[in-house]
Amino acid sequence: MTAQAKVIADPHDQVAAYEDKSKAYELAIDQIDSMLEGESHPIAKMATIVCILREHLPYYFWTGFYLVYDQELIVGPYQGTFGTLHISFGNGVCGTAAQERRTQVVEDVCKFPGHIVCDSRSASEIVVPVFNKKKELIAVFDVDSTAKGSFDAVDQKYLEKIFDMHFARATLD
């Protein structure tokens, strides 16, 4: 007889399902490193990272990149419901992360001034700026969760580590 997987319907349970969030990130990083070994194309890297992180971290609802293009952010590789196509620097969580060039961890998106509502089910968000080796902003990585307070310093630490490792030598030419 095989063991049955626990079905998780409540997003709060999804966060709790990984009692050790760090372990989930470590497993994801191992897979990302393995899949991206020798890969230099930034879009291929982004698509792979989105897929692997969304599979390893069940509280990830919308997961993807917004690319810097022509002085704004445009939607890039992602998984989830429709995303906003264009975001100006300084607008919403993504635009704020791009303008300030620092990670934004938002416990409750309804309390974030100027939050852009792409999907009303999104409750919390983390956005991490992605830089190339010249320290130029090339993208932001955006993750939404349907549960408030899903993201914390652990998410920030591992996401910043992933992007530092895999985009330090990348450019979007």
Foldseek 3Di string as FASTA:
>chain_A
DDDDDDDDDDLVVLLVVCVPVLVLLVVLLVVLCVVCVVPAAPLVSFLSSQVSSCVSRVQFAKKGKFWDDPQWTAGGRIDHPDDDGIGHQPAALQNPCQNVVAKDWFQASVPDPRHDPPDPLFGTKIKHFAAELVRDTTIIIITTGSHGPSDDVSVVVSVVVSRCVRHNHHDND
